[in-house]
């Protein structure tokens, strides 16, 4: 009897426990259902899931092209050329040339030797007054690649100063005697004075042959659009050739500008003809060894 009682009690308690659990679950479910009405559920919006935003694309950095500081010719659109004259000003030959240029309304670039500017200041002033460009060609025309930095600085600084003091113009171009100037020297002179180094693609060789007809024929045969033509305004034979040479170039349709103006028109592209490279010391020695070699009178 006692065992049966215990069984009934346990069975009853198990039944009551299960009933209580079901009742509690039903009540909780009813409470949850009443908290969110059908109307509220209909208005509820789905949760917005934040999506990771893509980072802006980073453009690859492209190095700027190195500045070009040396020109032997230019790539231009149109029949533009630059006539250049070295080693003056000369007391008698430069005025002759200036007259010819003025008569034809031509502007040229003069690469001046400092000591010649000091000797002929009025002619240097006339060059500028008549609209031509002046530039640095050293003080005494040495081969600059054979000099130390201090001597090169003196050659260029003295000439720079005498041009400024005499003409009121600050030169921005230089031409090394014999075309000999190292890459390091070019970079240094650019940083020091802002110079571009100007060479040439048409060499009249006027200092060498001293023949007016040959000067004319070389220039006429080799000048192209964008050419920088090299002559020397210290030789009578060169100036003797200029009237016919300039008229021949005009007849071919060429238009004359200063070197700075030509550079302003330049567009980087493959040149139409191979530019002349700066002379090596050995080449320069074979061409001329001193200013006296270029300036000395022609052999009779």
C-alpha atoms as a PDB file:
ATOM      1  CA  UNK A   1       0.000   0.000   0.000  1.00  0.00           C
ATOM      2  CA  UNK A   2       2.830   2.278   0.922  1.00  0.00           C
ATOM      3  CA  UNK A   3       4.643   1.461  -2.383  1.00  0.00           C
ATOM      4  CA  UNK A   4       1.522   2.139  -4.402  1.00  0.00           C
ATOM      5  CA  UNK A   5       1.079   5.458  -2.744  1.00  0.00           C
ATOM      6  CA  UNK A   6       4.604   6.459  -3.572  1.00  0.00           C
ATOM      7  CA  UNK A   7       4.049   5.500  -7.228  1.00  0.00           C
ATOM      8  CA  UNK A   8       0.852   7.503  -7.451  1.00  0.00           C
ATOM      9  CA  UNK A   9       2.452  10.473  -5.873  1.00  0.00           C
ATOM     10  CA  UNK A  10       5.373  10.380  -8.289  1.00  0.00           C
ATOM     11  CA  UNK A  11       3.103   9.861 -11.274  1.00  0.00           C
ATOM     12  CA  UNK A  12       0.883  12.669 -10.172  1.00  0.00           C
ATOM     13  CA  UNK A  13       3.809  15.004  -9.620  1.00  0.00           C
ATOM     14  CA  UNK A  14       5.252  14.132 -13.090  1.00  0.00           C
ATOM     15  CA  UNK A  15       1.907  14.846 -14.668  1.00  0.00           C
ATOM     16  CA  UNK A  16       1.587  18.130 -12.826  1.00  0.00           C
ATOM     17  CA  UNK A  17       5.137  19.138 -13.802  1.00  0.00           C
ATOM     18  CA  UNK A  18       4.571  18.495 -17.492  1.00  0.00           C
ATOM     19  CA  UNK A  19       1.297  20.391 -17.348  1.00  0.00           C
ATOM     20  CA  UNK A  20       2.972  23.382 -15.713  1.00  0.00           C
ATOM     21  CA  UNK A  21       5.695  23.481 -18.391  1.00  0.00           C
ATOM     22  CA  UNK A  22       3.117  23.399 -21.197  1.00  0.00           C
ATOM     23  CA  UNK A  23       1.081  26.137 -19.518  1.00  0.00           C
ATOM     24  CA  UNK A  24       4.138  28.370 -19.050  1.00  0.00           C
ATOM     25  CA  UNK A  25       5.237  27.928 -22.713  1.00  0.00           C
ATOM     26  CA  UNK A  26       1.713  28.704 -23.956  1.00  0.00           C
ATOM     27  CA  UNK A  27       1.566  31.863 -21.847  1.00  0.00           C
ATOM     28  CA  UNK A  28       4.974  33.074 -23.066  1.00  0.00           C
ATOM     29  CA  UNK A  29       3.993  32.476 -26.677  1.00  0.00           C
ATOM     30  CA  UNK A  30       0.742  34.386 -26.206  1.00  0.00           C
ATOM     31  CA  UNK A  31       2.588  37.284 -24.624  1.00  0.00           C
ATOM     32  CA  UNK A  32       5.100  37.441 -27.531  1.00  0.00           C
ATOM     33  CA  UNK A  33       2.312  37.274 -30.103  1.00  0.00           C
ATOM     34  CA  UNK A  34       0.368  40.076 -28.426  1.00  0.00           C
ATOM     35  CA  UNK A  35       3.498  42.290 -28.275  1.00  0.00           C
ATOM     36  CA  UNK A  36       3.890  42.231 -32.090  1.00  0.00           C
ATOM     37  CA  UNK A  37       0.509  42.714 -33.728  1.00  0.00           C
ATOM     38  CA  UNK A  38      -0.139  41.719 -37.339  1.00  0.00           C
ATOM     39  CA  UNK A  39      -0.295  45.398 -38.270  1.00  0.00           C
ATOM     40  CA  UNK A  40       3.062  46.083 -36.656  1.00  0.00           C
ATOM     41  CA  UNK A  41       4.599  43.058 -38.279  1.00  0.00           C
ATOM     42  CA  UNK A  42       3.367  44.220 -41.690  1.00  0.00           C
ATOM     43  CA  UNK A  43       5.003  47.613 -41.236  1.00  0.00           C
ATOM     44  CA  UNK A  44       8.286  46.226 -40.015  1.00  0.00           C
ATOM     45  CA  UNK A  45      11.098  46.705 -42.489  1.00  0.00           C
ATOM     46  CA  UNK A  46      13.797  44.174 -43.074  1.00  0.00           C
ATOM     47  CA  UNK A  47      17.057  44.958 -41.405  1.00  0.00           C
ATOM     48  CA  UNK A  48      19.560  46.703 -43.645  1.00  0.00           C
ATOM     49  CA  UNK A  49      22.816  44.879 -43.814  1.00  0.00           C
ATOM     50  CA  UNK A  50      25.736  47.258 -44.246  1.00  0.00           C
ATOM     51  CA  UNK A  51      27.894  46.340 -47.176  1.00  0.00           C
ATOM     52  CA  UNK A  52      31.581  47.136 -47.175  1.00  0.00           C
ATOM     53  CA  UNK A  53      32.303  50.120 -49.419  1.00  0.00           C
ATOM     54  CA  UNK A  54      35.011  49.730 -52.032  1.00  0.00           C
ATOM     55  CA  UNK A  55      38.051  51.947 -51.468  1.00  0.00           C
ATOM     56  CA  UNK A  56      38.748  54.437 -54.283  1.00  0.00           C
ATOM     57  CA  UNK A  57      41.240  53.186 -56.826  1.00  0.00           C
ATOM     58  CA  UNK A  58      44.720  54.558 -56.337  1.00  0.00           C
ATOM     59  CA  UNK A  59      46.252  55.849 -59.538  1.00  0.00           C
ATOM     60  CA  UNK A  60      49.808  54.633 -60.028  1.00  0.00           C
ATOM     61  CA  UNK A  61      52.349  57.415 -59.720  1.00  0.00           C
ATOM     62  CA  UNK A  62      54.148  58.137 -62.954  1.00  0.00           C
ATOM     63  CA  UNK A  63      57.452  59.931 -62.719  1.00  0.00           C
ATOM     64  CA  UNK A  64      57.577  63.235 -64.603  1.00  0.00           C
ATOM     65  CA  UNK A  65      59.868  63.148 -67.626  1.00  0.00           C
ATOM     66  CA  UNK A  66      63.299  64.555 -67.010  1.00  0.00           C
ATOM     67  CA  UNK A  67      63.704  68.129 -68.152  1.00  0.00           C
ATOM     68  CA  UNK A  68      65.525  68.461 -71.436  1.00  0.00           C
ATOM     69  CA  UNK A  69      68.395  70.929 -71.143  1.00  0.00           C
ATOM     70  CA  UNK A  70      70.423  70.186 -74.297  1.00  0.00           C
ATOM     71  CA  UNK A  71      69.271  70.986 -77.822  1.00  0.00           C
ATOM     72  CA  UNK A  72      71.066  70.415 -81.122  1.00  0.00           C
ATOM     73  CA  UNK A  73      67.895  70.907 -83.153  1.00  0.00           C
ATOM     74  CA  UNK A  74      64.158  71.057 -82.499  1.00  0.00           C
ATOM     75  CA  UNK A  75      61.142  69.135 -83.705  1.00  0.00           C
ATOM     76  CA  UNK A  76      58.745  71.834 -84.891  1.00  0.00           C
ATOM     77  CA  UNK A  77      55.647  72.195 -87.001  1.00  0.00           C
ATOM     78  CA  UNK A  78      56.485  74.649 -89.727  1.00  0.00           C
ATOM     79  CA  UNK A  79      59.610  75.861 -91.572  1.00  0.00           C
ATOM     80  CA  UNK A  80      61.249  77.505 -88.554  1.00  0.00           C
ATOM     81  CA  UNK A  81      65.034  77.640 -88.084  1.00  0.00           C
ATOM     82  CA  UNK A  82      67.507  79.462 -85.860  1.00  0.00           C
ATOM     83  CA  UNK A  83      70.650  81.123 -87.191  1.00  0.00           C
ATOM     84  CA  UNK A  84      73.380  81.332 -84.560  1.00  0.00           C
ATOM     85  CA  UNK A  85      76.661  83.238 -84.576  1.00  0.00           C
ATOM     86  CA  UNK A  86      79.555  82.522 -82.218  1.00  0.00           C
ATOM     87  CA  UNK A  87      82.648  84.260 -80.842  1.00  0.00           C
ATOM     88  CA  UNK A  88      81.682  87.922 -81.240  1.00  0.00           C
ATOM     89  CA  UNK A  89      80.951  90.666 -81.031  1.00  0.00           C
ATOM     90  CA  UNK A  90      83.543  91.658 -83.639  1.00  0.00           C
ATOM     91  CA  UNK A  91      84.359  95.323 -84.199  1.00  0.00           C
ATOM     92  CA  UNK A  92      83.748  95.306 -87.973  1.00  0.00           C
ATOM     93  CA  UNK A  93      82.155  92.009 -89.016  1.00  0.00           C
ATOM     94  CA  UNK A  94      79.281  91.944 -86.515  1.00  0.00           C
ATOM     95  CA  UNK A  95      77.961  95.379 -87.624  1.00  0.00           C
ATOM     96  CA  UNK A  96      78.019  94.164 -91.251  1.00  0.00           C
ATOM     97  CA  UNK A  97      75.973  91.129 -90.275  1.00  0.00           C
ATOM     98  CA  UNK A  98      73.526  93.171 -88.205  1.00  0.00           C
ATOM     99  CA  UNK A  99      72.811  95.371 -91.227  1.00  0.00           C
ATOM    100  CA  UNK A 100      72.012  92.343 -93.385  1.00  0.00           C
ATOM    101  CA  UNK A 101      69.736  90.867 -90.736  1.00  0.00           C
ATOM    102  CA  UNK A 102      67.907  94.159 -90.229  1.00  0.00           C
ATOM    103  CA  UNK A 103      67.307  94.575 -93.956  1.00  0.00           C
ATOM    104  CA  UNK A 104      65.604  91.158 -94.015  1.00  0.00           C
ATOM    105  CA  UNK A 105      63.801  91.499 -90.674  1.00  0.00           C
ATOM    106  CA  UNK A 106      65.613  88.422 -89.352  1.00  0.00           C
ATOM    107  CA  UNK A 107      66.349  87.806 -85.688  1.00  0.00           C
ATOM    108  CA  UNK A 108      69.271  85.566 -84.740  1.00  0.00           C
ATOM    109  CA  UNK A 109      71.016  84.308 -81.603  1.00  0.00           C
ATOM    110  CA  UNK A 110      74.534  85.484 -80.770  1.00  0.00           C
ATOM    111  CA  UNK A 111      76.718  83.378 -78.468  1.00  0.00           C
ATOM    112  CA  UNK A 112      79.043  85.999 -77.077  1.00  0.00           C
ATOM    113  CA  UNK A 113      82.606  85.633 -75.791  1.00  0.00           C
ATOM    114  CA  UNK A 114      82.889  87.666 -72.611  1.00  0.00           C
ATOM    115  CA  UNK A 115      86.182  89.344 -73.397  1.00  0.00           C
ATOM    116  CA  UNK A 116      84.797  90.446 -76.783  1.00  0.00           C
ATOM    117  CA  UNK A 117      81.764  91.984 -75.080  1.00  0.00           C
ATOM    118  CA  UNK A 118      84.144  93.911 -72.816  1.00  0.00           C
ATOM    119  CA  UNK A 119      86.097  95.103 -75.874  1.00  0.00           C
ATOM    120  CA  UNK A 120      83.034  95.992 -77.972  1.00  0.00           C
ATOM    121  CA  UNK A 121      80.230  96.943 -75.568  1.00  0.00           C
ATOM    122  CA  UNK A 122      78.413  99.229 -78.000  1.00  0.00           C
ATOM    123  CA  UNK A 123      78.073  96.442 -80.540  1.00  0.00           C
ATOM    124  CA  UNK A 124      76.755  94.094 -77.856  1.00  0.00           C
ATOM    125  CA  UNK A 125      74.142  96.720 -77.011  1.00  0.00           C
ATOM    126  CA  UNK A 126      73.247  97.078 -80.685  1.00  0.00           C
ATOM    127  CA  UNK A 127      72.667  93.331 -80.987  1.00  0.00           C
ATOM    128  CA  UNK A 128      70.065  93.480 -78.217  1.00  0.00           C
ATOM    129  CA  UNK A 129      68.528  96.773 -79.339  1.00  0.00           C
ATOM    130  CA  UNK A 130      67.836  95.288 -82.782  1.00  0.00           C
ATOM    131  CA  UNK A 131      65.884  92.390 -81.308  1.00  0.00           C
ATOM    132  CA  UNK A 132      68.440  89.592 -81.350  1.00  0.00           C
ATOM    133  CA  UNK A 133      69.119  87.098 -78.583  1.00  0.00           C
ATOM    134  CA  UNK A 134      72.403  87.015 -76.664  1.00  0.00           C
ATOM    135  CA  UNK A 135      73.849  83.997 -74.869  1.00  0.00           C
ATOM    136  CA  UNK A 136      76.949  82.814 -73.020  1.00  0.00           C
ATOM    137  CA  UNK A 137      79.927  81.362 -74.929  1.00  0.00           C
ATOM    138  CA  UNK A 138      82.506  81.591 -72.096  1.00  0.00           C
ATOM    139  CA  UNK A 139      84.987  84.372 -71.336  1.00  0.00           C
ATOM    140  CA  UNK A 140      87.993  83.330 -73.422  1.00  0.00           C
ATOM    141  CA  UNK A 141      86.815  80.272 -75.387  1.00  0.00           C
ATOM    142  CA  UNK A 142      88.707  77.430 -73.651  1.00  0.00           C
ATOM    143  CA  UNK A 143      87.658  73.791 -73.825  1.00  0.00           C
ATOM    144  CA  UNK A 144      85.590  73.626 -70.649  1.00  0.00           C
ATOM    145  CA  UNK A 145      85.876  69.848 -70.239  1.00  0.00           C
ATOM    146  CA  UNK A 146      89.589  70.330 -69.568  1.00  0.00           C
ATOM    147  CA  UNK A 147      88.991  72.774 -66.711  1.00  0.00           C
ATOM    148  CA  UNK A 148      88.139  72.293 -63.063  1.00  0.00           C
ATOM    149  CA  UNK A 149      84.822  73.433 -61.658  1.00  0.00           C
ATOM    150  CA  UNK A 150      86.266  76.675 -60.307  1.00  0.00           C
ATOM    151  CA  UNK A 151      87.687  77.680 -63.678  1.00  0.00           C
ATOM    152  CA  UNK A 152      84.496  76.745 -65.513  1.00  0.00           C
ATOM    153  CA  UNK A 153      82.496  78.797 -63.025  1.00  0.00           C
ATOM    154  CA  UNK A 154      84.769  81.793 -63.610  1.00  0.00           C
ATOM    155  CA  UNK A 155      84.484  81.478 -67.403  1.00  0.00           C
ATOM    156  CA  UNK A 156      80.695  81.413 -67.318  1.00  0.00           C
ATOM    157  CA  UNK A 157      80.093  83.805 -64.429  1.00  0.00           C
ATOM    158  CA  UNK A 158      82.330  86.569 -65.826  1.00  0.00           C
ATOM    159  CA  UNK A 159      80.607  86.336 -69.195  1.00  0.00           C
ATOM    160  CA  UNK A 160      77.162  86.201 -67.596  1.00  0.00           C
ATOM    161  CA  UNK A 161      77.938  89.319 -65.588  1.00  0.00           C
ATOM    162  CA  UNK A 162      79.402  91.351 -68.462  1.00  0.00           C
ATOM    163  CA  UNK A 163      76.403  90.548 -70.683  1.00  0.00           C
ATOM    164  CA  UNK A 164      73.984  91.664 -67.964  1.00  0.00           C
ATOM    165  CA  UNK A 165      75.979  94.817 -67.152  1.00  0.00           C
ATOM    166  CA  UNK A 166      76.438  95.780 -70.806  1.00  0.00           C
ATOM    167  CA  UNK A 167      73.065  94.925 -72.341  1.00  0.00           C
ATOM    168  CA  UNK A 168      70.689  94.705 -69.386  1.00  0.00           C
ATOM    169  CA  UNK A 169      69.691  91.214 -70.534  1.00  0.00           C
ATOM    170  CA  UNK A 170      70.141  88.068 -68.457  1.00  0.00           C
ATOM    171  CA  UNK A 171      71.211  85.172 -70.715  1.00  0.00           C
ATOM    172  CA  UNK A 172      69.387  81.857 -70.372  1.00  0.00           C
ATOM    173  CA  UNK A 173      71.368  79.873 -72.955  1.00  0.00           C
ATOM    174  CA  UNK A 174      74.981  78.822 -73.247  1.00  0.00           C
ATOM    175  CA  UNK A 175      77.041  77.132 -75.917  1.00  0.00           C
ATOM    176  CA  UNK A 176      80.253  75.424 -74.822  1.00  0.00           C
ATOM    177  CA  UNK A 177      83.303  76.169 -76.975  1.00  0.00           C
ATOM    178  CA  UNK A 178      83.881  73.283 -79.415  1.00  0.00           C
ATOM    179  CA  UNK A 179      80.585  71.786 -78.209  1.00  0.00           C
ATOM    180  CA  UNK A 180      82.472  70.092 -75.361  1.00  0.00           C
ATOM    181  CA  UNK A 181      80.524  70.019 -72.087  1.00  0.00           C
ATOM    182  CA  UNK A 182      79.963  66.996 -69.848  1.00  0.00           C
ATOM    183  CA  UNK A 183      76.545  65.841 -68.665  1.00  0.00           C
ATOM    184  CA  UNK A 184      77.487  66.862 -65.135  1.00  0.00           C
ATOM    185  CA  UNK A 185      78.564  70.313 -66.276  1.00  0.00           C
ATOM    186  CA  UNK A 186      75.303  70.800 -68.138  1.00  0.00           C
ATOM    187  CA  UNK A 187      73.248  69.842 -65.083  1.00  0.00           C
ATOM    188  CA  UNK A 188      75.346  72.066 -62.838  1.00  0.00           C
ATOM    189  CA  UNK A 189      75.171  75.119 -65.136  1.00  0.00           C
ATOM    190  CA  UNK A 190      71.412  74.645 -65.417  1.00  0.00           C
ATOM    191  CA  UNK A 191      71.096  74.713 -61.634  1.00  0.00           C
ATOM    192  CA  UNK A 192      73.552  77.605 -61.251  1.00  0.00           C
ATOM    193  CA  UNK A 193      72.396  79.999 -63.996  1.00  0.00           C
ATOM    194  CA  UNK A 194      69.321  78.380 -65.505  1.00  0.00           C
ATOM    195  CA  UNK A 195      71.161  77.678 -68.756  1.00  0.00           C
ATOM    196  CA  UNK A 196      70.066  75.361 -71.501  1.00  0.00           C
ATOM    197  CA  UNK A 197      73.017  73.949 -73.446  1.00  0.00           C
ATOM    198  CA  UNK A 198      72.723  74.704 -77.165  1.00  0.00           C
ATOM    199  CA  UNK A 199      74.619  72.739 -79.790  1.00  0.00           C
ATOM    200  CA  UNK A 200      73.766  72.556 -83.530  1.00  0.00           C
ATOM    201  CA  UNK A 201      72.772  70.225 -86.333  1.00  0.00           C
ATOM    202  CA  UNK A 202      74.123  72.322 -89.237  1.00  0.00           C
ATOM    203  CA  UNK A 203      77.817  73.205 -88.995  1.00  0.00           C
ATOM    204  CA  UNK A 204      78.916  75.586 -91.735  1.00  0.00           C
ATOM    205  CA  UNK A 205      82.587  74.879 -90.924  1.00  0.00           C
ATOM    206  CA  UNK A 206      83.135  78.520 -91.876  1.00  0.00           C
ATOM    207  CA  UNK A 207      86.046  78.901 -89.469  1.00  0.00           C
ATOM    208  CA  UNK A 208      87.873  76.055 -91.189  1.00  0.00           C
ATOM    209  CA  UNK A 209      87.521  76.527 -94.939  1.00  0.00           C
ATOM    210  CA  UNK A 210      87.011  80.339 -95.001  1.00  0.00           C
ATOM    211  CA  UNK A 211      85.177  80.046 -98.304  1.00  0.00           C
ATOM    212  CA  UNK A 212      81.927  82.057 -98.763  1.00  0.00           C
ATOM    213  CA  UNK A 213      80.545  79.785-101.492  1.00  0.00           C
ATOM    214  CA  UNK A 214      81.196  76.687 -99.368  1.00  0.00           C
ATOM    215  CA  UNK A 215      79.574  78.274 -96.343  1.00  0.00           C
ATOM    216  CA  UNK A 216      76.475  78.970 -98.394  1.00  0.00           C
ATOM    217  CA  UNK A 217      76.347  75.514 -99.988  1.00  0.00           C
ATOM    218  CA  UNK A 218      76.741  73.648 -96.690  1.00  0.00           C
ATOM    219  CA  UNK A 219      73.956  75.629 -95.039  1.00  0.00           C
ATOM    220  CA  UNK A 220      71.618  75.391 -98.008  1.00  0.00           C
ATOM    221  CA  UNK A 221      72.130  71.636 -98.377  1.00  0.00           C
ATOM    222  CA  UNK A 222      71.691  70.688 -94.729  1.00  0.00           C
ATOM    223  CA  UNK A 223      69.154  73.055 -93.173  1.00  0.00           C
ATOM    224  CA  UNK A 224      65.813  71.491 -92.263  1.00  0.00           C
ATOM    225  CA  UNK A 225      62.801  72.710 -90.246  1.00  0.00           C
ATOM    226  CA  UNK A 226      63.941  72.954 -86.631  1.00  0.00           C
ATOM    227  CA  UNK A 227      67.633  73.317 -87.551  1.00  0.00           C
ATOM    228  CA  UNK A 228      70.089  75.262 -85.428  1.00  0.00           C
ATOM    229  CA  UNK A 229      72.717  76.612 -87.819  1.00  0.00           C
ATOM    230  CA  UNK A 230      76.255  77.328 -86.584  1.00  0.00           C
ATOM    231  CA  UNK A 231      78.307  80.219 -88.008  1.00  0.00           C
ATOM    232  CA  UNK A 232      80.915  82.674 -86.673  1.00  0.00           C
ATOM    233  CA  UNK A 233      80.483  86.421 -87.002  1.00  0.00           C
ATOM    234  CA  UNK A 234      84.211  87.124 -86.596  1.00  0.00           C
ATOM    235  CA  UNK A 235      85.243  86.103 -90.123  1.00  0.00           C
ATOM    236  CA  UNK A 236      84.903  88.328 -93.156  1.00  0.00           C
ATOM    237  CA  UNK A 237      84.361  85.294 -95.388  1.00  0.00           C
ATOM    238  CA  UNK A 238      81.395  84.216 -93.271  1.00  0.00           C
ATOM    239  CA  UNK A 239      79.724  87.601 -93.490  1.00  0.00           C
ATOM    240  CA  UNK A 240      80.506  87.701 -97.212  1.00  0.00           C
ATOM    241  CA  UNK A 241      78.410  84.529 -97.535  1.00  0.00           C
ATOM    242  CA  UNK A 242      75.461  85.685 -95.463  1.00  0.00           C
ATOM    243  CA  UNK A 243      73.489  87.817 -97.939  1.00  0.00           C
ATOM    244  CA  UNK A 244      73.207  85.015-100.506  1.00  0.00           C
ATOM    245  CA  UNK A 245      72.696  82.384 -97.794  1.00  0.00           C
ATOM    246  CA  UNK A 246      69.883  84.242 -96.052  1.00  0.00           C
ATOM    247  CA  UNK A 247      68.178  85.043 -99.348  1.00  0.00           C
ATOM    248  CA  UNK A 248      68.451  81.412-100.415  1.00  0.00           C
ATOM    249  CA  UNK A 249      66.876  80.215 -97.160  1.00  0.00           C
ATOM    250  CA  UNK A 250      64.083  82.760 -97.510  1.00  0.00           C
ATOM    251  CA  UNK A 251      63.450  81.551-101.056  1.00  0.00           C
ATOM    252  CA  UNK A 252      63.129  77.990 -99.726  1.00  0.00           C
ATOM    253  CA  UNK A 253      60.387  79.202 -97.392  1.00  0.00           C
ATOM    254  CA  UNK A 254      62.285  79.097 -94.100  1.00  0.00           C
ATOM    255  CA  UNK A 255      61.270  81.449 -91.303  1.00  0.00           C
ATOM    256  CA  UNK A 256      63.831  82.729 -88.834  1.00  0.00           C
ATOM    257  CA  UNK A 257      63.450  82.735 -85.049  1.00  0.00           C
ATOM    258  CA  UNK A 258      65.777  82.905 -82.054  1.00  0.00           C
ATOM    259  CA  UNK A 259      66.882  79.712 -80.336  1.00  0.00           C
ATOM    260  CA  UNK A 260      64.611  80.380 -77.367  1.00  0.00           C
ATOM    261  CA  UNK A 261      61.658  80.830 -79.717  1.00  0.00           C
ATOM    262  CA  UNK A 262      62.557  77.613 -81.529  1.00  0.00           C
ATOM    263  CA  UNK A 263      62.736  75.672 -78.253  1.00  0.00           C
ATOM    264  CA  UNK A 264      59.303  77.023 -77.303  1.00  0.00           C
ATOM    265  CA  UNK A 265      57.918  75.375 -80.469  1.00  0.00           C
ATOM    266  CA  UNK A 266      59.675  72.065 -79.815  1.00  0.00           C
ATOM    267  CA  UNK A 267      57.642  68.882 -79.444  1.00  0.00           C
ATOM    268  CA  UNK A 268      59.372  65.727 -78.295  1.00  0.00           C
ATOM    269  CA  UNK A 269      59.509  63.227 -81.144  1.00  0.00           C
ATOM    270  CA  UNK A 270      62.030  61.285 -83.125  1.00  0.00           C
ATOM    271  CA  UNK A 271      64.211  63.883 -84.894  1.00  0.00           C
ATOM    272  CA  UNK A 272      64.139  63.936 -88.679  1.00  0.00           C
ATOM    273  CA  UNK A 273      67.892  63.907 -88.831  1.00  0.00           C
ATOM    274  CA  UNK A 274      70.598  62.788 -86.454  1.00  0.00           C
ATOM    275  CA  UNK A 275      71.670  65.634 -84.169  1.00  0.00           C
ATOM    276  CA  UNK A 276      75.309  66.417 -83.666  1.00  0.00           C
ATOM    277  CA  UNK A 277      76.639  65.071 -80.391  1.00  0.00           C
ATOM    278  CA  UNK A 278      78.866  67.011 -78.069  1.00  0.00           C
ATOM    279  CA  UNK A 279      82.461  66.549 -79.112  1.00  0.00           C
ATOM    280  CA  UNK A 280      84.701  64.312 -77.068  1.00  0.00           C
ATOM    281  CA  UNK A 281      87.986  65.858 -75.941  1.00  0.00           C
ATOM    282  CA  UNK A 282      89.813  63.971 -78.718  1.00  0.00           C
ATOM    283  CA  UNK A 283      87.329  65.133 -81.347  1.00  0.00           C
ATOM    284  CA  UNK A 284      87.467  68.679 -80.094  1.00  0.00           C
ATOM    285  CA  UNK A 285      91.250  68.621 -80.219  1.00  0.00           C
ATOM    286  CA  UNK A 286      91.086  67.439 -83.813  1.00  0.00           C
ATOM    287  CA  UNK A 287      88.667  70.210 -84.761  1.00  0.00           C
ATOM    288  CA  UNK A 288      90.418  73.087 -83.031  1.00  0.00           C
ATOM    289  CA  UNK A 289      92.654  73.443 -80.021  1.00  0.00           C
ATOM    290  CA  UNK A 290      92.051  77.048 -79.008  1.00  0.00           C
ATOM    291  CA  UNK A 291      90.155  80.217 -79.716  1.00  0.00           C
ATOM    292  CA  UNK A 292      93.168  81.354 -81.720  1.00  0.00           C
ATOM    293  CA  UNK A 293      92.676  78.403 -84.108  1.00  0.00           C
ATOM    294  CA  UNK A 294      89.176  79.625 -84.895  1.00  0.00           C
ATOM    295  CA  UNK A 295      89.960  83.319 -84.922  1.00  0.00           C
ATOM    296  CA  UNK A 296      93.330  83.315 -86.716  1.00  0.00           C
ATOM    297  CA  UNK A 297      93.443  84.690 -90.279  1.00  0.00           C
ATOM    298  CA  UNK A 298      93.013  82.201 -93.086  1.00  0.00           C
ATOM    299  CA  UNK A 299      96.184  80.839 -94.678  1.00  0.00           C
ATOM    300  CA  UNK A 300      97.030  82.588 -97.928  1.00  0.00           C
END
